[in-house]
Amino acid sequence: MDIVFVKQLAVDTVIGVYAWEKTIQQRLFFDLELCTDIRAAADADDIRQTLDYAVVCERVTTLVQSGPVELIETLAERIANMLLADFATTQVMVQVDKPGAVAAATTVGVRIVRSRH
């Protein structure tokens, strides 16, 4: 299986459980991996036969900015569900980094892997 990936997609959004977090935007970073078969696209040199990472990034950004949530876990699940439902992929990896959430760490976050049922 082939992988189309995105590393460190930066999205500013309202995220967090604390009252002060609900009044500001914070920058999150997303790493995405979408399993697919790229052979037909490669043979035809045709973007319509593969996963367009620009479209993937646009859809993820829109989803993340659609409304405030408290947990990055919630965002990871929503993104994975959307990618599996709307794109030609059988398995996805979604990593969400929240830099600055813990002062002593460069970043914290979650990474999930989900497959089509």
C-alpha atoms as a PDB file:
ATOM      1  CA  MET A   1       0.000   0.000   0.000  1.00  0.00           C
ATOM      2  CA  ASP A   2       1.195   3.495  -0.822  1.00  0.00           C
ATOM      3  CA  ILE A   3       0.949   6.520   1.448  1.00  0.00           C
ATOM      4  CA  VAL A   4       0.088  10.104   0.625  1.00  0.00           C
ATOM      5  CA  PHE A   5       1.244  12.238   3.533  1.00  0.00           C
ATOM      6  CA  VAL A   6       1.147  15.752   4.943  1.00  0.00           C
ATOM      7  CA  LYS A   7       3.611  16.898   7.613  1.00  0.00           C
ATOM      8  CA  GLN A   8       3.098  19.781  10.016  1.00  0.00           C
ATOM      9  CA  LEU A   9      -0.044  21.350   8.543  1.00  0.00           C
ATOM     10  CA  ALA A  10      -0.448  24.465  10.739  1.00  0.00           C
ATOM     11  CA  VAL A  11      -3.978  25.497  11.693  1.00  0.00           C
ATOM     12  CA  ASP A  12      -5.001  28.221  14.143  1.00  0.00           C
ATOM     13  CA  THR A  13      -8.162  27.392  16.105  1.00  0.00           C
ATOM     14  CA  VAL A  14      -9.886  27.651  19.469  1.00  0.00           C
ATOM     15  CA  ILE A  15      -8.958  24.525  21.435  1.00  0.00           C
ATOM     16  CA  GLY A  16      -8.711  23.671  25.087  1.00  0.00           C
ATOM     17  CA  VAL A  17     -10.456  22.792  28.319  1.00  0.00           C
ATOM     18  CA  TYR A  18      -9.468  25.849  30.362  1.00  0.00           C
ATOM     19  CA  ALA A  19     -11.515  29.057  30.338  1.00  0.00           C
ATOM     20  CA  TRP A  20      -8.570  31.153  29.122  1.00  0.00           C
ATOM     21  CA  GLU A  21      -8.052  28.789  26.160  1.00  0.00           C
ATOM     22  CA  LYS A  22     -11.617  29.324  24.995  1.00  0.00           C
ATOM     23  CA  THR A  23     -10.890  33.023  24.375  1.00  0.00           C
ATOM     24  CA  ILE A  24      -7.797  32.664  22.153  1.00  0.00           C
ATOM     25  CA  GLN A  25      -6.639  30.886  19.048  1.00  0.00           C
ATOM     26  CA  GLN A  26      -3.808  28.399  19.331  1.00  0.00           C
ATOM     27  CA  ARG A  27      -1.731  26.869  16.565  1.00  0.00           C
ATOM     28  CA  LEU A  28      -1.970  23.128  16.130  1.00  0.00           C
ATOM     29  CA  PHE A  29       0.106  21.001  13.774  1.00  0.00           C
ATOM     30  CA  PHE A  30      -1.239  17.982  11.897  1.00  0.00           C
ATOM     31  CA  ASP A  31       0.607  15.064  10.355  1.00  0.00           C
ATOM     32  CA  LEU A  32      -1.554  12.914   8.091  1.00  0.00           C
ATOM     33  CA  GLU A  33      -0.975   9.632   6.295  1.00  0.00           C
ATOM     34  CA  LEU A  34      -3.568   8.233   3.900  1.00  0.00           C
ATOM     35  CA  CYS A  35      -3.106   4.713   2.539  1.00  0.00           C
ATOM     36  CA  THR A  36      -4.013   4.365  -1.124  1.00  0.00           C
ATOM     37  CA  ASP A  37      -2.782   2.877  -4.374  1.00  0.00           C
ATOM     38  CA  ILE A  38      -1.012   5.509  -6.483  1.00  0.00           C
ATOM     39  CA  ARG A  39      -0.090   3.283  -9.457  1.00  0.00           C
ATOM     40  CA  ALA A  40      -2.918   4.393 -11.765  1.00  0.00           C
ATOM     41  CA  ALA A  41      -2.178   8.065 -11.086  1.00  0.00           C
ATOM     42  CA  ALA A  42       1.542   7.510 -11.634  1.00  0.00           C
ATOM     43  CA  ASP A  43       0.970   5.615 -14.893  1.00  0.00           C
ATOM     44  CA  ALA A  44      -1.391   8.266 -16.254  1.00  0.00           C
ATOM     45  CA  ASP A  45       0.367  11.240 -14.616  1.00  0.00           C
ATOM     46  CA  ASP A  46      -3.134  12.361 -13.609  1.00  0.00           C
ATOM     47  CA  ILE A  47      -3.934  14.060 -10.300  1.00  0.00           C
ATOM     48  CA  ARG A  48      -7.580  13.025 -10.616  1.00  0.00           C
ATOM     49  CA  GLN A  49      -6.510   9.434  -9.984  1.00  0.00           C
ATOM     50  CA  THR A  50      -4.773  10.088  -6.675  1.00  0.00           C
ATOM     51  CA  LEU A  51      -5.362  11.863  -3.393  1.00  0.00           C
ATOM     52  CA  ASP A  52      -4.902  15.598  -3.896  1.00  0.00           C
ATOM     53  CA  TYR A  53      -3.046  16.681  -0.775  1.00  0.00           C
ATOM     54  CA  ALA A  54      -4.030  20.321  -1.340  1.00  0.00           C
ATOM     55  CA  VAL A  55      -7.698  19.304  -1.121  1.00  0.00           C
ATOM     56  CA  VAL A  56      -6.980  17.124   1.918  1.00  0.00           C
ATOM     57  CA  CYS A  57      -5.312  20.078   3.675  1.00  0.00           C
ATOM     58  CA  GLU A  58      -8.174  22.419   2.795  1.00  0.00           C
ATOM     59  CA  ARG A  59     -10.768  19.987   4.162  1.00  0.00           C
ATOM     60  CA  VAL A  60      -8.823  19.376   7.381  1.00  0.00           C
ATOM     61  CA  THR A  61      -8.350  23.104   7.942  1.00  0.00           C
ATOM     62  CA  THR A  62     -12.061  23.777   7.401  1.00  0.00           C
ATOM     63  CA  LEU A  63     -13.034  20.988   9.800  1.00  0.00           C
ATOM     64  CA  VAL A  64     -10.622  22.148  12.516  1.00  0.00           C
ATOM     65  CA  GLN A  65     -11.815  25.746  12.270  1.00  0.00           C
ATOM     66  CA  SER A  66     -15.527  24.856  12.139  1.00  0.00           C
ATOM     67  CA  GLY A  67     -16.013  25.336  15.861  1.00  0.00           C
ATOM     68  CA  PRO A  68     -14.240  25.203  19.166  1.00  0.00           C
ATOM     69  CA  VAL A  69     -13.534  21.854  20.786  1.00  0.00           C
ATOM     70  CA  GLU A  70     -11.877  21.004  24.058  1.00  0.00           C
ATOM     71  CA  LEU A  71      -9.725  17.988  23.221  1.00  0.00           C
ATOM     72  CA  ILE A  72      -7.195  17.303  20.493  1.00  0.00           C
ATOM     73  CA  GLU A  73      -8.428  13.705  20.714  1.00  0.00           C
ATOM     74  CA  THR A  74     -11.799  14.928  19.442  1.00  0.00           C
ATOM     75  CA  LEU A  75     -10.152  16.645  16.474  1.00  0.00           C
ATOM     76  CA  ALA A  76      -8.081  13.572  15.632  1.00  0.00           C
ATOM     77  CA  GLU A  77     -11.182  11.350  15.557  1.00  0.00           C
ATOM     78  CA  ARG A  78     -13.203  13.834  13.502  1.00  0.00           C
ATOM     79  CA  ILE A  79     -10.393  14.219  10.975  1.00  0.00           C
ATOM     80  CA  ALA A  80      -9.872  10.453  10.666  1.00  0.00           C
ATOM     81  CA  ASN A  81     -13.594   9.873  10.158  1.00  0.00           C
ATOM     82  CA  MET A  82     -13.813  12.588   7.492  1.00  0.00           C
ATOM     83  CA  LEU A  83     -10.757  11.320   5.599  1.00  0.00           C
ATOM     84  CA  LEU A  84     -12.041   7.747   5.564  1.00  0.00           C
ATOM     85  CA  ALA A  85     -15.529   8.818   4.483  1.00  0.00           C
ATOM     86  CA  ASP A  86     -14.594  11.376   1.835  1.00  0.00           C
ATOM     87  CA  PHE A  87     -11.331  10.189   0.259  1.00  0.00           C
ATOM     88  CA  ALA A  88     -10.137   7.014  -1.492  1.00  0.00           C
ATOM     89  CA  THR A  89      -8.193   5.690   1.472  1.00  0.00           C
ATOM     90  CA  THR A  90      -8.513   2.515   3.491  1.00  0.00           C
ATOM     91  CA  GLN A  91      -6.450   3.569   6.495  1.00  0.00           C
ATOM     92  CA  VAL A  92      -5.346   6.888   7.951  1.00  0.00           C
ATOM     93  CA  MET A  93      -2.915   8.098  10.564  1.00  0.00           C
ATOM     94  CA  VAL A  94      -3.681  11.446  12.177  1.00  0.00           C
ATOM     95  CA  GLN A  95      -1.254  13.134  14.547  1.00  0.00           C
ATOM     96  CA  VAL A  96      -2.187  16.352  16.330  1.00  0.00           C
ATOM     97  CA  ASP A  97       0.554  18.374  18.035  1.00  0.00           C
ATOM     98  CA  LYS A  98      -0.206  21.143  20.519  1.00  0.00           C
ATOM     99  CA  PRO A  99       3.088  22.954  21.107  1.00  0.00           C
ATOM    100  CA  GLY A 100       3.327  25.057  24.225  1.00  0.00           C
ATOM    101  CA  ALA A 101       0.700  23.061  26.124  1.00  0.00           C
ATOM    102  CA  VAL A 102       3.357  21.811  28.530  1.00  0.00           C
ATOM    103  CA  ALA A 103       6.099  24.322  29.270  1.00  0.00           C
ATOM    104  CA  ALA A 104       8.845  21.718  29.686  1.00  0.00           C
ATOM    105  CA  ALA A 105       8.029  19.938  26.387  1.00  0.00           C
ATOM    106  CA  THR A 106       8.505  21.064  22.805  1.00  0.00           C
ATOM    107  CA  THR A 107       5.113  19.640  21.937  1.00  0.00           C
ATOM    108  CA  VAL A 108       2.463  17.214  23.140  1.00  0.00           C
ATOM    109  CA  GLY A 109      -0.240  15.462  21.210  1.00  0.00           C
ATOM    110  CA  VAL A 110      -1.994  12.346  20.040  1.00  0.00           C
ATOM    111  CA  ARG A 111      -1.527   9.969  17.129  1.00  0.00           C
ATOM    112  CA  ILE A 112      -4.281   7.653  15.980  1.00  0.00           C
ATOM    113  CA  VAL A 113      -4.608   5.066  13.226  1.00  0.00           C
ATOM    114  CA  ARG A 114      -8.073   4.249  11.894  1.00  0.00           C
ATOM    115  CA  SER A 115      -9.232   1.917   9.126  1.00  0.00           C
ATOM    116  CA  ARG A 116     -12.366   1.611   7.068  1.00  0.00           C
ATOM    117  CA  HIS A 117     -14.688  -1.012   8.534  1.00  0.00           C
END
